[in-house]
Amino acid sequence: MRATSQNRTRQRPAAPRRGVATFFAILLLLIVASTLAVMGMMFAASARRTRALTDEAQLRQLVTAGAIDAARQVEIGDSALTPRTIKVPQDSTDQPASITLSIARVDQEMVATVAAKLGARHLDQRITFQRRDGKWTPVAASLETAPPIAPAGASATPPASSPAH
């Protein structure tokens, strides 16, 4: 009988290591969850960056349209010196957009200021025209970008300037 009891002990399977398997299962779930969270943040940042680049491109298009109109108005002469707003079609943007054009005579030059606004962002351009060969010709242009308009109580950074010719 003694031999049979020894056989039983040898044939009995070892107790499974449930603690190790549970640890690795939980570790794998944590890795997957953190990876999903990081991917979600990356997608959100990419969407915000894409939106900002889209707005910037649209602002530049509005400034370009204003610059074209400024060149026409400068050719008209002194009657164009009153500030005016250029209509922007409502279906062209998903945000409120406007272009304001003002022209001033400074010595022998005409200086046009184009202010484009798109939602909370705006971009200003100054174009200097000089009379050459009987025609007003643009000789200088500069862009002034401002950060988005901050909500009440928030501080805004000063605008940065960048010359463009």
Protein backbone atom coordinates (compact mmCIF):
# COMPACT_ATOMS: atom_id res chain seq x y z
CA MET A 1 0.00 0.00 0.00
CA ARG A 2 2.80 2.23 0.68
CA ALA A 3 3.87 2.14 -2.95
CA THR A 4 0.47 3.28 -4.11
CA SER A 5 0.45 6.29 -1.86
CA GLN A 6 3.80 7.40 -3.29
CA ASN A 7 2.45 7.01 -6.82
CA ARG A 8 -0.46 9.25 -5.98
CA THR A 9 1.81 12.04 -4.82
CA ARG A 10 3.88 11.87 -7.95
CA GLN A 11 0.93 11.83 -10.33
CA ARG A 12 -0.86 14.69 -8.69
CA PRO A 13 -0.52 17.75 -10.96
CA ALA A 14 1.24 20.82 -9.60
CA ALA A 15 -1.00 23.68 -8.51
CA PRO A 16 -1.34 26.24 -11.35
CA ARG A 17 0.34 29.62 -10.86
CA ARG A 18 -2.74 31.79 -11.03
CA GLY A 19 -1.01 34.81 -9.48
CA VAL A 20 1.58 35.12 -12.27
CA ALA A 21 -0.99 34.74 -15.04
CA THR A 22 -3.25 37.34 -13.42
CA PHE A 23 -0.32 39.74 -13.04
CA PHE A 24 0.60 39.45 -16.72
CA ALA A 25 -3.04 39.82 -17.81
CA ILE A 26 -3.40 43.02 -15.79
CA LEU A 27 -0.03 44.30 -17.09
CA LEU A 28 -1.12 43.66 -20.68
CA LEU A 29 -4.42 45.49 -20.09
CA LEU A 30 -2.53 48.49 -18.65
CA ILE A 31 -0.19 48.60 -21.65
CA VAL A 32 -3.11 48.46 -24.11
CA ALA A 33 -5.07 51.11 -22.18
CA SER A 34 -2.12 53.51 -22.01
CA THR A 35 -1.38 52.99 -25.71
CA LEU A 36 -4.99 53.83 -26.59
CA ALA A 37 -4.87 56.96 -24.43
CA VAL A 38 -1.64 58.15 -26.08
CA MET A 39 -3.02 57.47 -29.55
CA GLY A 40 -6.19 59.41 -28.70
CA MET A 41 -4.15 62.41 -27.55
CA MET A 42 -2.04 62.25 -30.72
CA PHE A 43 -5.15 62.19 -32.94
CA ALA A 44 -6.67 65.13 -31.05
CA ALA A 45 -3.45 67.15 -31.35
CA SER A 46 -3.28 66.37 -35.06
CA ALA A 47 -6.88 67.51 -35.53
CA ARG A 48 -6.18 70.79 -33.69
CA ARG A 49 -3.03 71.37 -35.77
CA THR A 50 -4.93 70.68 -39.00
CA ARG A 51 -7.68 73.12 -37.98
CA ALA A 52 -5.13 75.83 -37.15
CA LEU A 53 -3.36 75.35 -40.50
CA THR A 54 -6.69 75.49 -42.33
CA ASP A 55 -7.58 78.75 -40.58
CA GLU A 56 -4.15 80.20 -41.35
CA ALA A 57 -4.48 79.32 -45.05
CA GLN A 58 -7.95 80.84 -45.17
CA LEU A 59 -6.71 84.03 -43.49
CA ARG A 60 -3.95 84.32 -46.09
CA GLN A 61 -6.52 83.93 -48.86
CA LEU A 62 -8.62 86.70 -47.32
CA VAL A 63 -5.54 88.98 -47.09
CA THR A 64 -4.68 88.20 -50.72
CA ALA A 65 -8.21 89.15 -51.80
CA GLY A 66 -7.89 92.38 -49.82
CA ALA A 67 -4.51 93.15 -51.40
CA ILE A 68 -5.95 92.73 -54.89
CA ASP A 69 -8.79 95.10 -54.01
CA ALA A 70 -6.29 97.54 -52.45
CA ALA A 71 -4.32 97.71 -55.71
CA ARG A 72 -7.54 98.51 -57.59
CA GLN A 73 -8.58 101.16 -55.07
CA VAL A 74 -5.16 102.84 -55.12
CA GLU A 75 -5.42 103.17 -58.89
CA ILE A 76 -8.79 104.93 -58.47
CA GLY A 77 -7.13 107.70 -56.44
CA ASP A 78 -8.15 109.89 -53.51
CA SER A 79 -11.77 108.76 -53.60
CA ALA A 80 -10.58 105.40 -52.26
CA LEU A 81 -9.22 106.82 -49.00
CA THR A 82 -12.28 105.99 -46.94
CA PRO A 83 -12.12 102.67 -45.05
CA ARG A 84 -14.33 99.97 -46.49
CA THR A 85 -15.38 96.42 -45.75
CA ILE A 86 -15.20 93.78 -48.46
CA LYS A 87 -18.03 91.28 -48.40
CA VAL A 88 -17.04 87.66 -47.85
CA PRO A 89 -19.55 85.05 -49.05
CA GLN A 90 -21.11 83.25 -46.09
CA ASP A 91 -20.75 79.82 -47.67
CA SER A 92 -16.99 80.26 -48.19
CA THR A 93 -16.17 79.77 -44.50
CA ASP A 94 -17.63 77.93 -41.55
CA GLN A 95 -16.71 80.84 -39.26
CA PRO A 96 -17.54 84.55 -39.40
CA ALA A 97 -15.08 86.22 -41.79
CA SER A 98 -14.45 89.82 -42.79
CA ILE A 99 -11.95 91.92 -44.72
CA THR A 100 -11.45 95.59 -43.92
CA LEU A 101 -9.43 97.82 -46.23
CA SER A 102 -8.13 101.31 -45.43
CA ILE A 103 -5.83 103.42 -47.60
CA ALA A 104 -3.89 106.49 -46.56
CA ARG A 105 -1.58 108.85 -48.42
CA VAL A 106 1.81 109.24 -46.76
CA ASP A 107 4.08 111.73 -48.54
CA GLN A 108 4.49 110.38 -52.09
CA GLU A 109 3.18 106.91 -51.17
CA MET A 110 -0.15 105.22 -50.65
CA VAL A 111 -0.28 102.80 -47.72
CA ALA A 112 -3.05 100.20 -47.75
CA THR A 113 -3.91 98.23 -44.62
CA VAL A 114 -5.82 94.99 -45.12
CA ALA A 115 -7.31 93.45 -41.95
CA ALA A 116 -8.67 89.93 -42.35
CA LYS A 117 -10.63 88.29 -39.54
CA LEU A 118 -11.71 84.68 -39.34
CA GLY A 119 -13.51 83.70 -36.17
CA ALA A 120 -11.21 84.66 -33.29
CA ARG A 121 -8.07 85.00 -35.43
CA HIS A 122 -6.93 87.89 -37.57
CA LEU A 123 -4.11 88.79 -39.91
CA ASP A 124 -3.15 92.31 -41.00
CA GLN A 125 -1.12 93.31 -44.05
CA ARG A 126 0.37 96.70 -44.87
CA ILE A 127 1.13 97.37 -48.52
CA THR A 128 3.09 100.44 -49.60
CA PHE A 129 2.54 101.74 -53.14
CA GLN A 130 4.70 104.26 -55.02
CA ARG A 131 3.98 106.03 -58.28
CA ARG A 132 6.25 104.66 -61.05
CA ASP A 133 5.81 105.29 -64.76
CA GLY A 134 2.39 106.81 -64.13
CA LYS A 135 1.12 103.75 -62.28
CA TRP A 136 0.89 102.84 -58.58
CA THR A 137 3.23 99.92 -57.90
CA PRO A 138 3.53 97.91 -54.66
CA VAL A 139 7.04 98.37 -53.22
CA ALA A 140 6.72 96.82 -49.75
CA ALA A 141 4.40 94.57 -47.80
CA SER A 142 4.41 93.29 -44.24
CA LEU A 143 2.21 90.87 -42.32
CA GLU A 144 1.21 91.24 -38.70
CA THR A 145 -0.24 88.17 -37.07
CA ALA A 146 -2.09 88.31 -33.81
CA PRO A 147 -2.94 85.37 -31.58
CA PRO A 148 -6.57 84.26 -31.28
CA ILE A 149 -8.69 86.69 -29.30
CA ALA A 150 -8.57 85.50 -25.68
CA PRO A 151 -11.72 85.16 -23.59
CA ALA A 152 -12.41 87.90 -21.03
CA GLY A 153 -9.92 87.80 -18.18
CA ALA A 154 -7.28 85.83 -20.09
CA SER A 155 -4.00 87.40 -21.09
CA ALA A 156 -2.94 87.61 -24.74
CA THR A 157 0.58 87.72 -26.12
CA PRO A 158 1.68 90.70 -28.22
CA PRO A 159 1.45 90.32 -32.02
CA ALA A 160 4.49 89.21 -33.98
CA SER A 161 5.54 90.95 -37.17
CA SER A 162 7.12 89.39 -40.21
CA PRO A 163 8.12 91.36 -43.32
CA ALA A 164 7.08 89.88 -46.66
CA HIS A 165 8.11 91.19 -50.07
